Amino acid sequence: MKIDLMPKTRLGKWSVWLNAFFLIVIAVSIVLVNVLGLLSYGDHWWDVTVPILALITITAFILGIIAIIKKERSALVYISVAIGLLAILFIPLHSLFIND
């Protein structure tokens, strides 16, 4: 079985690009808050950004699973599914350790 780097199917490409967008927005947000100090995690932009990004990465996860079922054999799709799975696991596990 040969595993390519780039996805060949449309579903695989969507999965990879959606998760790339997710990672870029998270990285930019961290830079804006922690490095530059321009924003704060307590602001309302974060309350809007996080649910949208969660839906994006869950969609990428589902599209990646469908692409794998339909015989997509790309390393980036497997990575995309792993990122989606980690994000999905983060949602319920994070709430276990919040000390509000």
Protein backbone atom coordinates (compact mmCIF):
# COMPACT_ATOMS: atom_id res chain seq x y z
CA MET A 1 0.00 0.00 0.00
CA LYS A 2 1.46 3.32 -1.12
CA ILE A 3 0.89 6.38 1.06
CA ASP A 4 1.20 9.76 -0.66
CA LEU A 5 1.80 13.04 1.11
CA MET A 6 -0.90 15.10 -0.60
CA PRO A 7 -4.53 13.97 -0.80
CA LYS A 8 -5.99 13.05 -4.18
CA THR A 9 -9.71 13.19 -3.41
CA ARG A 10 -11.83 16.29 -2.93
CA LEU A 11 -12.87 15.17 0.57
CA GLY A 12 -9.26 14.64 1.56
CA LYS A 13 -8.26 18.08 0.30
CA TRP A 14 -11.13 19.73 2.17
CA SER A 15 -10.15 17.92 5.35
CA VAL A 16 -6.53 19.01 5.11
CA TRP A 17 -7.31 22.64 4.23
CA LEU A 18 -9.95 23.01 6.95
CA ASN A 19 -7.53 21.75 9.57
CA ALA A 20 -4.77 23.96 8.16
CA PHE A 21 -7.13 26.94 8.57
CA PHE A 22 -7.91 25.79 12.12
CA LEU A 23 -4.22 25.59 13.04
CA ILE A 24 -3.40 28.95 11.44
CA VAL A 25 -6.19 30.78 13.27
CA ILE A 26 -5.22 29.19 16.59
CA ALA A 27 -1.56 30.13 16.04
CA VAL A 28 -2.44 33.72 15.10
CA SER A 29 -4.72 33.98 18.15
CA ILE A 30 -1.98 32.77 20.47
CA VAL A 31 0.48 35.25 18.98
CA LEU A 32 -2.01 38.12 19.31
CA VAL A 33 -2.75 37.29 22.96
CA ASN A 34 0.47 35.90 24.43
CA VAL A 35 3.20 37.50 22.33
CA LEU A 36 1.83 40.88 21.24
CA GLY A 37 -0.67 41.41 24.05
CA LEU A 38 -3.18 43.02 21.68
CA LEU A 39 -6.10 40.82 22.71
CA SER A 40 -7.20 38.91 25.78
CA TYR A 41 -8.73 35.45 26.15
CA GLY A 42 -11.49 37.07 28.21
CA ASP A 43 -12.70 39.19 25.29
CA HIS A 44 -15.79 38.34 23.27
CA TRP A 45 -13.82 37.58 20.08
CA TRP A 46 -12.55 34.40 21.75
CA ASP A 47 -16.11 33.33 22.65
CA VAL A 48 -17.06 33.53 18.97
CA THR A 49 -13.84 32.15 17.49
CA VAL A 50 -13.59 28.94 19.53
CA PRO A 51 -17.01 27.45 18.62
CA ILE A 52 -16.52 28.27 14.96
CA LEU A 53 -13.06 26.66 14.97
CA ALA A 54 -14.41 23.64 16.84
CA LEU A 55 -17.05 23.13 14.15
CA ILE A 56 -14.41 23.54 11.44
CA THR A 57 -12.08 20.92 12.90
CA ILE A 58 -14.97 18.51 13.60
CA THR A 59 -16.06 18.92 9.98
CA ALA A 60 -12.49 18.28 8.84
CA PHE A 61 -12.38 15.16 11.02
CA ILE A 62 -15.62 13.80 9.53
CA LEU A 63 -14.51 14.57 5.96
CA GLY A 64 -11.16 12.91 6.64
CA ILE A 65 -12.83 9.75 7.97
CA ILE A 66 -15.11 9.61 4.92
CA ALA A 67 -12.12 10.14 2.63
CA ILE A 68 -10.20 7.31 4.33
CA ILE A 69 -13.21 5.01 4.02
CA LYS A 70 -13.34 5.89 0.31
CA LYS A 71 -9.70 4.75 -0.08
CA GLU A 72 -7.80 8.01 0.42
CA ARG A 73 -4.24 7.10 1.38
CA SER A 74 -2.56 10.38 2.20
CA ALA A 75 -0.35 11.19 5.16
CA LEU A 76 -1.85 14.66 5.49
CA VAL A 77 -5.37 13.22 5.70
CA TYR A 78 -4.28 10.88 8.48
CA ILE A 79 -2.69 13.83 10.29
CA SER A 80 -5.85 15.86 9.75
CA VAL A 81 -7.97 13.10 11.27
CA ALA A 82 -5.58 12.89 14.24
CA ILE A 83 -5.81 16.66 14.83
CA GLY A 84 -9.60 16.48 14.61
CA LEU A 85 -9.69 13.59 17.06
CA LEU A 86 -7.47 15.47 19.52
CA ALA A 87 -9.69 18.55 19.25
CA ILE A 88 -12.82 16.46 19.78
CA LEU A 89 -11.26 14.80 22.83
CA PHE A 90 -10.13 18.16 24.17
CA ILE A 91 -13.68 19.50 24.37
CA PRO A 92 -15.03 17.11 27.05
CA LEU A 93 -11.68 16.48 28.78
CA HIS A 94 -10.95 20.17 29.19
CA SER A 95 -14.18 20.67 31.12
CA LEU A 96 -13.06 18.08 33.68
CA PHE A 97 -10.14 20.24 34.78
CA ILE A 98 -11.66 23.75 34.80
CA ASN A 99 -11.53 25.28 38.28
CA ASP A 100 -14.06 28.13 38.03
